[in-house]
C-alpha atoms as a PDB file:
ATOM      1  CA  MET A   1     -45.910  26.317  17.937  1.00  0.00           C
ATOM      2  CA  PRO A   2     -42.732  27.389  19.783  1.00  0.00           C
ATOM      3  CA  LEU A   3     -43.096  29.213  23.067  1.00  0.00           C
ATOM      4  CA  SER A   4     -42.028  32.820  23.421  1.00  0.00           C
ATOM      5  CA  ASP A   5     -39.034  33.631  25.612  1.00  0.00           C
ATOM      6  CA  SER A   6     -41.363  34.924  28.325  1.00  0.00           C
ATOM      7  CA  ALA A   7     -43.551  31.821  28.294  1.00  0.00           C
ATOM      8  CA  SER A   8     -40.550  29.482  28.157  1.00  0.00           C
ATOM      9  CA  GLY A   9     -38.821  31.332  30.986  1.00  0.00           C
ATOM     10  CA  ALA A  10     -41.986  31.350  33.079  1.00  0.00           C
ATOM     11  CA  LEU A  11     -42.480  27.615  32.609  1.00  0.00           C
ATOM     12  CA  ARG A  12     -38.887  26.875  33.580  1.00  0.00           C
ATOM     13  CA  ALA A  13     -38.947  29.187  36.596  1.00  0.00           C
ATOM     14  CA  ALA A  14     -42.245  27.749  37.849  1.00  0.00           C
ATOM     15  CA  THR A  15     -41.007  24.175  37.437  1.00  0.00           C
ATOM     16  CA  GLY A  16     -37.697  24.892  39.149  1.00  0.00           C
ATOM     17  CA  MET A  17     -39.369  26.552  42.125  1.00  0.00           C
ATOM     18  CA  THR A  18     -41.871  23.697  42.348  1.00  0.00           C
ATOM     19  CA  VAL A  19     -39.015  21.200  42.584  1.00  0.00           C
ATOM     20  CA  LEU A  20     -37.441  23.372  45.290  1.00  0.00           C
ATOM     21  CA  GLY A  21     -40.694  23.654  47.239  1.00  0.00           C
ATOM     22  CA  CYS A  22     -41.215  19.895  47.100  1.00  0.00           C
ATOM     23  CA  SER A  23     -37.712  19.328  48.512  1.00  0.00           C
ATOM     24  CA  THR A  24     -38.821  20.056  52.074  1.00  0.00           C
ATOM     25  CA  SER A  25     -39.671  16.403  52.704  1.00  0.00           C
ATOM     26  CA  ALA A  26     -36.270  15.322  51.387  1.00  0.00           C
ATOM     27  CA  THR A  27     -34.517  17.865  53.595  1.00  0.00           C
ATOM     28  CA  ALA A  28     -36.491  16.675  56.624  1.00  0.00           C
ATOM     29  CA  ALA A  29     -35.376  13.090  55.939  1.00  0.00           C
ATOM     30  CA  LEU A  30     -31.755  14.234  56.401  1.00  0.00           C
ATOM     31  CA  ALA A  31     -32.352  15.880  59.780  1.00  0.00           C
ATOM     32  CA  ASP A  32     -30.198  13.287  61.592  1.00  0.00           C
ATOM     33  CA  TYR A  33     -27.443  13.188  58.966  1.00  0.00           C
ATOM     34  CA  PRO A  34     -24.393  15.451  59.518  1.00  0.00           C
ATOM     35  CA  LEU A  35     -25.087  18.705  57.671  1.00  0.00           C
ATOM     36  CA  HIS A  36     -21.738  19.264  55.985  1.00  0.00           C
ATOM     37  CA  GLY A  37     -21.332  15.641  54.986  1.00  0.00           C
ATOM     38  CA  ALA A  38     -24.808  15.493  53.467  1.00  0.00           C
ATOM     39  CA  GLN A  39     -24.246  18.679  51.458  1.00  0.00           C
ATOM     40  CA  ALA A  40     -20.795  17.569  50.307  1.00  0.00           C
ATOM     41  CA  LEU A  41     -22.264  14.293  49.018  1.00  0.00           C
ATOM     42  CA  ARG A  42     -25.185  16.129  47.425  1.00  0.00           C
ATOM     43  CA  TYR A  43     -23.023  18.532  45.449  1.00  0.00           C
ATOM     44  CA  LEU A  44     -20.472  15.843  44.599  1.00  0.00           C
ATOM     45  CA  LEU A  45     -23.184  13.727  42.968  1.00  0.00           C
ATOM     46  CA  ALA A  46     -24.581  16.760  41.163  1.00  0.00           C
ATOM     47  CA  ALA A  47     -21.156  17.820  39.910  1.00  0.00           C
ATOM     48  CA  ALA A  48     -20.551  14.288  38.608  1.00  0.00           C
ATOM     49  CA  VAL A  49     -23.581  14.772  36.350  1.00  0.00           C
ATOM     50  CA  LEU A  50     -23.148  18.444  35.447  1.00  0.00           C
ATOM     51  CA  LEU A  51     -19.423  18.543  34.641  1.00  0.00           C
ATOM     52  CA  PRO A  52     -19.676  15.987  31.789  1.00  0.00           C
ATOM     53  CA  LEU A  53     -22.611  17.998  30.408  1.00  0.00           C
ATOM     54  CA  ALA A  54     -20.466  21.128  30.509  1.00  0.00           C
ATOM     55  CA  ARG A  55     -17.622  19.343  28.696  1.00  0.00           C
ATOM     56  CA  ARG A  56     -20.009  18.283  25.919  1.00  0.00           C
ATOM     57  CA  ALA A  57     -20.505  21.952  25.077  1.00  0.00           C
ATOM     58  CA  GLY A  58     -16.855  22.101  24.017  1.00  0.00           C
ATOM     59  CA  PRO A  59     -13.920  24.102  25.374  1.00  0.00           C
ATOM     60  CA  LEU A  60     -14.614  27.567  26.725  1.00  0.00           C
ATOM     61  CA  ARG A  61     -12.894  30.206  24.598  1.00  0.00           C
ATOM     62  CA  PRO A  62     -11.386  32.322  25.969  1.00  0.00           C
ATOM     63  CA  ALA A  63     -10.682  30.296  29.073  1.00  0.00           C
ATOM     64  CA  LEU A  64     -12.265  31.104  32.397  1.00  0.00           C
ATOM     65  CA  SER A  65     -10.836  34.401  33.631  1.00  0.00           C
ATOM     66  CA  ARG A  66      -9.752  35.131  37.188  1.00  0.00           C
ATOM     67  CA  ALA A  67     -12.668  37.532  37.582  1.00  0.00           C
ATOM     68  CA  GLU A  68     -15.140  34.862  36.453  1.00  0.00           C
ATOM     69  CA  LEU A  69     -13.566  32.278  38.746  1.00  0.00           C
ATOM     70  CA  ALA A  70     -13.785  34.748  41.646  1.00  0.00           C
ATOM     71  CA  ARG A  71     -17.471  35.391  40.948  1.00  0.00           C
ATOM     72  CA  LEU A  72     -18.200  31.654  40.636  1.00  0.00           C
ATOM     73  CA  THR A  73     -16.425  31.040  43.948  1.00  0.00           C
ATOM     74  CA  LEU A  74     -18.407  33.829  45.608  1.00  0.00           C
ATOM     75  CA  LEU A  75     -21.616  32.401  44.129  1.00  0.00           C
ATOM     76  CA  ALA A  76     -20.831  28.945  45.535  1.00  0.00           C
ATOM     77  CA  ALA A  77     -19.794  30.389  48.894  1.00  0.00           C
ATOM     78  CA  THR A  78     -22.977  32.434  49.322  1.00  0.00           C
ATOM     79  CA  GLY A  79     -25.760  30.817  47.293  1.00  0.00           C
ATOM     80  CA  LEU A  80     -24.827  27.228  48.157  1.00  0.00           C
ATOM     81  CA  PHE A  81     -22.553  26.978  51.205  1.00  0.00           C
ATOM     82  CA  ALA A  82     -23.637  29.927  53.371  1.00  0.00           C
ATOM     83  CA  PHE A  83     -27.286  29.530  52.381  1.00  0.00           C
ATOM     84  CA  ASN A  84     -27.484  25.982  53.749  1.00  0.00           C
ATOM     85  CA  VAL A  85     -25.466  26.742  56.897  1.00  0.00           C
ATOM     86  CA  LEU A  86     -27.423  29.916  57.744  1.00  0.00           C
ATOM     87  CA  MET A  87     -30.739  28.220  57.031  1.00  0.00           C
ATOM     88  CA  MET A  88     -29.907  25.464  59.510  1.00  0.00           C
ATOM     89  CA  GLN A  89     -28.854  28.001  62.142  1.00  0.00           C
ATOM     90  CA  ALA A  90     -32.046  30.003  61.583  1.00  0.00           C
ATOM     91  CA  LEU A  91     -34.182  26.896  62.040  1.00  0.00           C
ATOM     92  CA  ARG A  92     -32.455  26.139  65.344  1.00  0.00           C
ATOM     93  CA  HIS A  93     -33.617  29.496  66.718  1.00  0.00           C
ATOM     94  CA  SER A  94     -36.931  30.096  64.958  1.00  0.00           C
ATOM     95  CA  ASP A  95     -39.990  28.273  63.736  1.00  0.00           C
ATOM     96  CA  PRO A  96     -39.768  27.186  60.062  1.00  0.00           C
ATOM     97  CA  ALA A  97     -42.770  29.416  59.303  1.00  0.00           C
ATOM     98  CA  ALA A  98     -40.952  32.506  60.597  1.00  0.00           C
ATOM     99  CA  VAL A  99     -37.810  31.663  58.629  1.00  0.00           C
ATOM    100  CA  GLY A 100     -39.844  30.985  55.509  1.00  0.00           C
ATOM    101  CA  SER A 101     -41.610  34.309  55.824  1.00  0.00           C
ATOM    102  CA  VAL A 102     -38.282  36.176  55.825  1.00  0.00           C
ATOM    103  CA  VAL A 103     -36.785  34.176  52.948  1.00  0.00           C
ATOM    104  CA  GLY A 104     -40.093  34.644  51.133  1.00  0.00           C
ATOM    105  CA  CYS A 105     -39.112  38.290  50.606  1.00  0.00           C
ATOM    106  CA  THR A 106     -36.754  37.148  47.813  1.00  0.00           C
ATOM    107  CA  PRO A 107     -39.058  38.382  44.985  1.00  0.00           C
ATOM    108  CA  LEU A 108     -39.107  41.899  46.410  1.00  0.00           C
ATOM    109  CA  LEU A 109     -35.349  41.935  46.946  1.00  0.00           C
ATOM    110  CA  LEU A 110     -34.660  40.777  43.373  1.00  0.00           C
ATOM    111  CA  ALA A 111     -37.183  43.271  41.994  1.00  0.00           C
ATOM    112  CA  VAL A 112     -35.171  46.068  43.638  1.00  0.00           C
ATOM    113  CA  LEU A 113     -31.558  44.886  43.336  1.00  0.00           C
ATOM    114  CA  GLY A 114     -31.817  43.265  39.889  1.00  0.00           C
ATOM    115  CA  PRO A 115     -32.432  46.475  37.956  1.00  0.00           C
ATOM    116  CA  LEU A 116     -30.184  48.558  40.219  1.00  0.00           C
ATOM    117  CA  LEU A 117     -27.209  46.302  39.502  1.00  0.00           C
ATOM    118  CA  ALA A 118     -28.018  46.600  35.796  1.00  0.00           C
ATOM    119  CA  ARG A 119     -28.127  50.385  36.232  1.00  0.00           C
ATOM    120  CA  ARG A 120     -31.856  50.558  35.560  1.00  0.00           C
ATOM    121  CA  ARG A 121     -34.660  52.042  37.603  1.00  0.00           C
ATOM    122  CA  PRO A 122     -36.918  49.429  39.265  1.00  0.00           C
ATOM    123  CA  GLN A 123     -40.373  49.206  37.685  1.00  0.00           C
ATOM    124  CA  VAL A 124     -43.013  50.417  40.119  1.00  0.00           C
ATOM    125  CA  ARG A 125     -45.646  48.000  38.834  1.00  0.00           C
ATOM    126  CA  LEU A 126     -43.238  45.094  39.163  1.00  0.00           C
ATOM    127  CA  LEU A 127     -42.389  46.142  42.719  1.00  0.00           C
ATOM    128  CA  ALA A 128     -46.100  46.147  43.496  1.00  0.00           C
ATOM    129  CA  ALA A 129     -46.504  42.677  41.997  1.00  0.00           C
ATOM    130  CA  ALA A 130     -43.507  41.425  43.995  1.00  0.00           C
ATOM    131  CA  ALA A 131     -45.056  42.835  47.170  1.00  0.00           C
ATOM    132  CA  VAL A 132     -48.265  40.905  46.424  1.00  0.00           C
ATOM    133  CA  VAL A 133     -46.234  37.706  45.950  1.00  0.00           C
ATOM    134  CA  VAL A 134     -44.405  38.282  49.246  1.00  0.00           C
ATOM    135  CA  ALA A 135     -47.709  38.893  51.041  1.00  0.00           C
ATOM    136  CA  GLY A 136     -49.167  35.691  49.610  1.00  0.00           C
ATOM    137  CA  ALA A 137     -46.069  33.724  50.598  1.00  0.00           C
ATOM    138  CA  ALA A 138     -46.303  35.109  54.134  1.00  0.00           C
ATOM    139  CA  VAL A 139     -49.958  34.067  54.381  1.00  0.00           C
ATOM    140  CA  THR A 140     -49.119  30.601  53.070  1.00  0.00           C
ATOM    141  CA  GLN A 141     -46.117  30.185  55.335  1.00  0.00           C
ATOM    142  CA  GLY A 142     -47.547  31.873  58.416  1.00  0.00           C
ATOM    143  CA  LEU A 143     -45.611  33.884  60.964  1.00  0.00           C
ATOM    144  CA  GLY A 144     -44.159  31.590  63.572  1.00  0.00           C
ATOM    145  CA  PRO A 145     -42.289  32.393  66.782  1.00  0.00           C
ATOM    146  CA  GLY A 146     -38.601  33.163  66.816  1.00  0.00           C
ATOM    147  CA  ASP A 147     -35.868  35.196  68.480  1.00  0.00           C
ATOM    148  CA  LEU A 148     -33.437  37.885  67.345  1.00  0.00           C
ATOM    149  CA  PRO A 149     -30.581  35.488  66.390  1.00  0.00           C
ATOM    150  CA  GLY A 150     -33.041  33.437  64.361  1.00  0.00           C
ATOM    151  CA  PHE A 151     -34.253  36.556  62.563  1.00  0.00           C
ATOM    152  CA  LEU A 152     -30.676  37.641  61.789  1.00  0.00           C
ATOM    153  CA  PHE A 153     -29.779  34.184  60.475  1.00  0.00           C
ATOM    154  CA  ALA A 154     -32.931  34.267  58.345  1.00  0.00           C
ATOM    155  CA  LEU A 155     -31.902  37.666  56.939  1.00  0.00           C
ATOM    156  CA  GLY A 156     -28.529  36.173  56.037  1.00  0.00           C
ATOM    157  CA  THR A 157     -30.304  33.286  54.328  1.00  0.00           C
ATOM    158  CA  LEU A 158     -32.399  35.784  52.373  1.00  0.00           C
ATOM    159  CA  ALA A 159     -29.258  37.617  51.223  1.00  0.00           C
ATOM    160  CA  CYS A 160     -27.688  34.341  50.098  1.00  0.00           C
ATOM    161  CA  GLU A 161     -30.845  33.365  48.224  1.00  0.00           C
ATOM    162  CA  ALA A 162     -30.713  36.663  46.327  1.00  0.00           C
ATOM    163  CA  ALA A 163     -26.978  36.237  45.662  1.00  0.00           C
ATOM    164  CA  PHE A 164     -27.686  32.847  44.060  1.00  0.00           C
ATOM    165  CA  SER A 165     -29.430  34.720  41.219  1.00  0.00           C
ATOM    166  CA  LEU A 166     -27.773  38.144  41.172  1.00  0.00           C
ATOM    167  CA  LEU A 167     -24.191  36.850  41.055  1.00  0.00           C
ATOM    168  CA  ALA A 168     -25.093  34.546  38.170  1.00  0.00           C
ATOM    169  CA  VAL A 169     -26.561  37.273  35.952  1.00  0.00           C
ATOM    170  CA  GLY A 170     -23.178  38.515  34.736  1.00  0.00           C
ATOM    171  CA  LEU A 171     -21.907  34.966  34.153  1.00  0.00           C
ATOM    172  CA  LEU A 172     -24.808  33.463  32.206  1.00  0.00           C
ATOM    173  CA  PRO A 173     -24.381  35.309  28.868  1.00  0.00           C
ATOM    174  CA  ARG A 174     -20.953  33.745  28.264  1.00  0.00           C
ATOM    175  CA  LEU A 175     -20.892  30.595  30.399  1.00  0.00           C
ATOM    176  CA  GLY A 176     -24.522  29.514  30.080  1.00  0.00           C
ATOM    177  CA  PRO A 177     -26.707  27.671  32.630  1.00  0.00           C
ATOM    178  CA  VAL A 178     -24.881  24.326  32.400  1.00  0.00           C
ATOM    179  CA  ARG A 179     -21.392  25.691  33.069  1.00  0.00           C
ATOM    180  CA  VAL A 180     -22.546  28.016  35.858  1.00  0.00           C
ATOM    181  CA  SER A 181     -24.380  25.127  37.558  1.00  0.00           C
ATOM    182  CA  ALA A 182     -21.499  22.699  37.066  1.00  0.00           C
ATOM    183  CA  TYR A 183     -18.731  25.012  38.251  1.00  0.00           C
ATOM    184  CA  THR A 184     -20.575  26.260  41.337  1.00  0.00           C
ATOM    185  CA  THR A 185     -21.577  22.773  42.500  1.00  0.00           C
ATOM    186  CA  ALA A 186     -18.006  21.557  42.038  1.00  0.00           C
ATOM    187  CA  LEU A 187     -16.675  24.524  44.026  1.00  0.00           C
ATOM    188  CA  ALA A 188     -19.164  23.867  46.838  1.00  0.00           C
ATOM    189  CA  VAL A 189     -17.872  20.323  47.444  1.00  0.00           C
ATOM    190  CA  PRO A 190     -14.509  21.270  49.071  1.00  0.00           C
ATOM    191  CA  MET A 191     -16.201  24.068  51.021  1.00  0.00           C
ATOM    192  CA  PHE A 192     -18.532  21.609  52.758  1.00  0.00           C
ATOM    193  CA  ALA A 193     -15.963  18.801  52.938  1.00  0.00           C
ATOM    194  CA  LEU A 194     -13.201  20.869  54.561  1.00  0.00           C
ATOM    195  CA  THR A 195     -15.605  22.541  56.986  1.00  0.00           C
ATOM    196  CA  GLY A 196     -17.102  19.159  57.891  1.00  0.00           C
ATOM    197  CA  LEU A 197     -13.673  17.640  58.513  1.00  0.00           C
ATOM    198  CA  ALA A 198     -12.713  20.571  60.723  1.00  0.00           C
ATOM    199  CA  LEU A 199     -15.929  20.488  62.771  1.00  0.00           C
ATOM    200  CA  GLU A 200     -16.988  16.848  62.720  1.00  0.00           C
ATOM    201  CA  GLY A 201     -13.931  14.876  61.660  1.00  0.00           C
ATOM    202  CA  GLY A 202     -14.628  11.352  60.496  1.00  0.00           C
ATOM    203  CA  ARG A 203     -18.238  11.608  61.666  1.00  0.00           C
ATOM    204  CA  MET A 204     -19.187  13.947  58.810  1.00  0.00           C
ATOM    205  CA  VAL A 205     -20.017  11.022  56.515  1.00  0.00           C
ATOM    206  CA  ARG A 206     -21.722   7.723  57.282  1.00  0.00           C
ATOM    207  CA  MET A 207     -23.707   5.165  55.349  1.00  0.00           C
ATOM    208  CA  PRO A 208     -27.155   6.716  54.780  1.00  0.00           C
ATOM    209  CA  SER A 209     -30.358   4.802  55.474  1.00  0.00           C
ATOM    210  CA  ALA A 210     -32.705   3.999  52.616  1.00  0.00           C
ATOM    211  CA  ALA A 211     -34.765   7.137  53.287  1.00  0.00           C
ATOM    212  CA  GLU A 212     -31.638   9.286  53.601  1.00  0.00           C
ATOM    213  CA  GLY A 213     -30.211   7.833  50.393  1.00  0.00           C
ATOM    214  CA  ALA A 214     -33.420   8.610  48.513  1.00  0.00           C
ATOM    215  CA  ALA A 215     -33.391  12.141  49.917  1.00  0.00           C
ATOM    216  CA  LEU A 216     -29.773  12.665  48.824  1.00  0.00           C
ATOM    217  CA  LEU A 217     -30.612  11.485  45.310  1.00  0.00           C
ATOM    218  CA  TYR A 218     -33.563  13.861  45.109  1.00  0.00           C
ATOM    219  CA  LEU A 219     -31.549  16.826  46.367  1.00  0.00           C
ATOM    220  CA  SER A 220     -28.641  15.969  44.064  1.00  0.00           C
ATOM    221  CA  LEU A 221     -30.440  15.129  40.821  1.00  0.00           C
ATOM    222  CA  ALA A 222     -33.893  16.724  40.926  1.00  0.00           C
ATOM    223  CA  LEU A 223     -33.026  19.867  42.888  1.00  0.00           C
ATOM    224  CA  THR A 224     -29.365  20.628  42.198  1.00  0.00           C
ATOM    225  CA  VAL A 225     -29.134  19.368  38.600  1.00  0.00           C
ATOM    226  CA  VAL A 226     -32.622  19.844  37.144  1.00  0.00           C
ATOM    227  CA  ALA A 227     -33.864  22.818  39.155  1.00  0.00           C
ATOM    228  CA  PHE A 228     -30.547  24.708  38.888  1.00  0.00           C
ATOM    229  CA  LEU A 229     -30.564  24.353  35.090  1.00  0.00           C
ATOM    230  CA  LEU A 230     -34.213  25.375  34.861  1.00  0.00           C
ATOM    231  CA  TRP A 231     -33.717  28.391  37.108  1.00  0.00           C
ATOM    232  CA  TYR A 232     -30.584  29.712  35.426  1.00  0.00           C
ATOM    233  CA  THR A 233     -32.174  29.280  31.985  1.00  0.00           C
ATOM    234  CA  ALA A 234     -35.237  31.203  33.197  1.00  0.00           C
ATOM    235  CA  LEU A 235     -32.993  33.858  34.724  1.00  0.00           C
ATOM    236  CA  GLY A 236     -31.378  34.465  31.347  1.00  0.00           C
ATOM    237  CA  LEU A 237     -34.762  34.675  29.604  1.00  0.00           C
ATOM    238  CA  LEU A 238     -36.695  36.768  32.119  1.00  0.00           C
ATOM    239  CA  GLY A 239     -34.104  38.672  34.127  1.00  0.00           C
ATOM    240  CA  PRO A 240     -33.811  38.533  37.926  1.00  0.00           C
ATOM    241  CA  GLU A 241     -36.779  40.780  38.728  1.00  0.00           C
ATOM    242  CA  ARG A 242     -39.385  38.828  36.733  1.00  0.00           C
ATOM    243  CA  SER A 243     -37.980  35.364  37.413  1.00  0.00           C
ATOM    244  CA  GLY A 244     -37.747  36.289  41.108  1.00  0.00           C
ATOM    245  CA  LEU A 245     -41.538  36.448  41.292  1.00  0.00           C
ATOM    246  CA  PHE A 246     -41.630  32.662  41.027  1.00  0.00           C
ATOM    247  CA  ALA A 247     -39.725  32.295  44.306  1.00  0.00           C
ATOM    248  CA  GLY A 248     -43.103  32.965  45.909  1.00  0.00           C
ATOM    249  CA  LEU A 249     -44.148  29.507  44.751  1.00  0.00           C
ATOM    250  CA  ILE A 250     -41.763  27.819  47.204  1.00  0.00           C
ATOM    251  CA  PRO A 251     -44.004  27.910  50.319  1.00  0.00           C
ATOM    252  CA  VAL A 252     -47.045  27.192  48.137  1.00  0.00           C
ATOM    253  CA  THR A 253     -45.608  24.031  46.599  1.00  0.00           C
ATOM    254  CA  ALA A 254     -44.139  22.997  49.953  1.00  0.00           C
ATOM    255  CA  ALA A 255     -47.603  23.175  51.524  1.00  0.00           C
ATOM    256  CA  LEU A 256     -49.289  21.408  48.616  1.00  0.00           C
ATOM    257  CA  SER A 257     -46.683  18.635  48.468  1.00  0.00           C
ATOM    258  CA  GLY A 258     -47.059  18.061  52.209  1.00  0.00           C
ATOM    259  CA  ALA A 259     -50.806  17.665  51.762  1.00  0.00           C
ATOM    260  CA  VAL A 260     -50.364  15.266  48.820  1.00  0.00           C
ATOM    261  CA  LEU A 261     -47.833  13.137  50.712  1.00  0.00           C
ATOM    262  CA  GLY A 262     -49.959  13.193  53.853  1.00  0.00           C
ATOM    263  CA  THR A 263     -47.235  14.754  56.006  1.00  0.00           C
ATOM    264  CA  ALA A 264     -49.272  17.902  56.720  1.00  0.00           C
ATOM    265  CA  ALA A 265     -52.867  19.056  56.416  1.00  0.00           C
ATOM    266  CA  LEU A 266     -53.707  21.837  53.979  1.00  0.00           C
ATOM    267  CA  ARG A 267     -55.088  24.855  55.853  1.00  0.00           C
ATOM    268  CA  PRO A 268     -57.446  27.532  54.481  1.00  0.00           C
ATOM    269  CA  ALA A 269     -54.725  30.161  54.915  1.00  0.00           C
ATOM    270  CA  GLU A 270     -52.443  28.156  52.642  1.00  0.00           C
ATOM    271  CA  LEU A 271     -55.097  28.020  49.937  1.00  0.00           C
ATOM    272  CA  LEU A 272     -55.665  31.764  50.251  1.00  0.00           C
ATOM    273  CA  GLY A 273     -51.935  32.472  50.136  1.00  0.00           C
ATOM    274  CA  SER A 274     -51.571  30.273  47.061  1.00  0.00           C
ATOM    275  CA  VAL A 275     -54.214  32.302  45.228  1.00  0.00           C
ATOM    276  CA  VAL A 276     -52.540  35.587  46.216  1.00  0.00           C
ATOM    277  CA  VAL A 277     -49.126  34.347  45.059  1.00  0.00           C
ATOM    278  CA  GLY A 278     -50.600  33.246  41.740  1.00  0.00           C
ATOM    279  CA  LEU A 279     -52.243  36.624  41.213  1.00  0.00           C
ATOM    280  CA  GLY A 280     -49.003  38.436  42.024  1.00  0.00           C
ATOM    281  CA  VAL A 281     -46.946  36.310  39.635  1.00  0.00           C
ATOM    282  CA  CYS A 282     -49.458  36.726  36.809  1.00  0.00           C
ATOM    283  CA  ALA A 283     -49.664  40.470  37.404  1.00  0.00           C
ATOM    284  CA  GLY A 284     -45.880  40.788  37.382  1.00  0.00           C
ATOM    285  CA  LEU A 285     -45.524  38.910  34.107  1.00  0.00           C
ATOM    286  CA  VAL A 286     -48.283  40.921  32.442  1.00  0.00           C
ATOM    287  CA  VAL A 287     -47.503  44.477  33.561  1.00  0.00           C
ATOM    288  CA  ALA A 288     -43.694  44.288  33.671  1.00  0.00           C
ATOM    289  CA  LYS A 289     -41.713  45.177  30.613  1.00  0.00           C
ATOM    290  CA  ALA A 290     -39.016  42.660  29.818  1.00  0.00           C
ATOM    291  CA  PRO A 291     -35.557  44.254  30.084  1.00  0.00           C
ATOM    292  CA  GLU A 292     -33.799  44.571  26.759  1.00  0.00           C
ATOM    293  CA  PRO A 293     -31.034  41.966  26.393  1.00  0.00           C
ATOM    294  CA  ALA A 294     -27.668  43.580  26.992  1.00  0.00           C
ATOM    295  CA  ARG A 295     -25.187  43.526  24.149  1.00  0.00           C
ATOM    296  CA  PRO A 296     -21.908  41.744  25.003  1.00  0.00           C
ATOM    297  CA  ALA A 297     -20.107  45.045  25.478  1.00  0.00           C
ATOM    298  CA  GLU A 298     -22.814  46.249  27.864  1.00  0.00           C
ATOM    299  CA  ALA A 299     -23.080  43.128  29.974  1.00  0.00           C
ATOM    300  CA  VAL A 300     -22.113  43.426  33.621  1.00  0.00           C
ATOM    301  CA  PRO A 301     -18.437  42.352  33.817  1.00  0.00           C
ATOM    302  CA  ALA A 302     -17.798  39.180  35.772  1.00  0.00           C
ATOM    303  CA  GLY A 303     -16.283  39.769  39.178  1.00  0.00           C
ATOM    304  CA  ARG A 304     -17.416  43.365  39.338  1.00  0.00           C
END
C-alpha cells in the first residue's frame, strides 16, 4: 500500500534529520582539519555524485534563469557556506549546548516565515506545536554558558539554517530536489576553496587521517547527498512549516547516537526532551492542515 504524501514526507524528513543529528561525531573527528579545506572537499565529493544524477533527469527546459541562478547562489552562500562558518565561530565563543539551543528554534522560525513568504497566515496550532518541539530540543540540548558574540553567531547560524529551506521552496517545483542539491553543493565548492586559499593558503588541504577520511565520506555521502535529497523531497511534500518540525530531532538523535557509540552518557533530561519533541512533532502533523500545492502560476518566483 503506497504511503500518503504526508506519511512519505514525514518519513523522509525524520530520516534526513536523523542523519544530520548523527553527524556530530563525524564533525568532531574533523576538529583539527582546516575548516574551509574540509568543507570544500566535502561538497566537491557530494557534487561529483549529485551532478551526474541531475544530468540523468535530462536537460532543463527552459534553461536555468538568472533569477534562479541568483537564488541558488544565495542558498549556497547562506545555507551551506555561512552556516558552517558561523557555526564554528559560535562554538568558539559558546558551549555547544547553548548554540544548539538557539539553532533548535528552527521549527518555530519556519512555522512563522514559511507561510508568511507564501502570503498565508501562520496556523496557530502549528505554532504551538513548533513551540513544544523547540522546548523539547532545549531540554535535550541543555542551556550551556556563552557570551554575547557567541549568541550573535548562533543567531546567524539559525538564520542560515532557515534560509536552507526557505530559499529552496521557490526552486523545488521546477528544479526538483536532485538539481537543487547538486547545484548548491557545486556552488559551495569555490566559496570554501577561494576563502580557504585567501586565509590559509596551501595549508587549507592536507592528507586526512583514517578517521578524518571516514568523517569526510560520511559528511559528503550520507549527510550532503542522502540527507539533502531526503530533506528537499520532504520540503516539497510537507511545506516548510510542517517539515521544519522535524528539525527538533537533531539534538535528540545527536544525544542518542552519542550514547550508542559510547561517546556520551544519556541523561534523564535528554530522554525527557526526546519525548517532548516527539509529542510536538506528532501534534504538528495531526493538527496542521497541509498547505494546498501552488499552481505553477502561483508559485513564488525564483529570485524574488
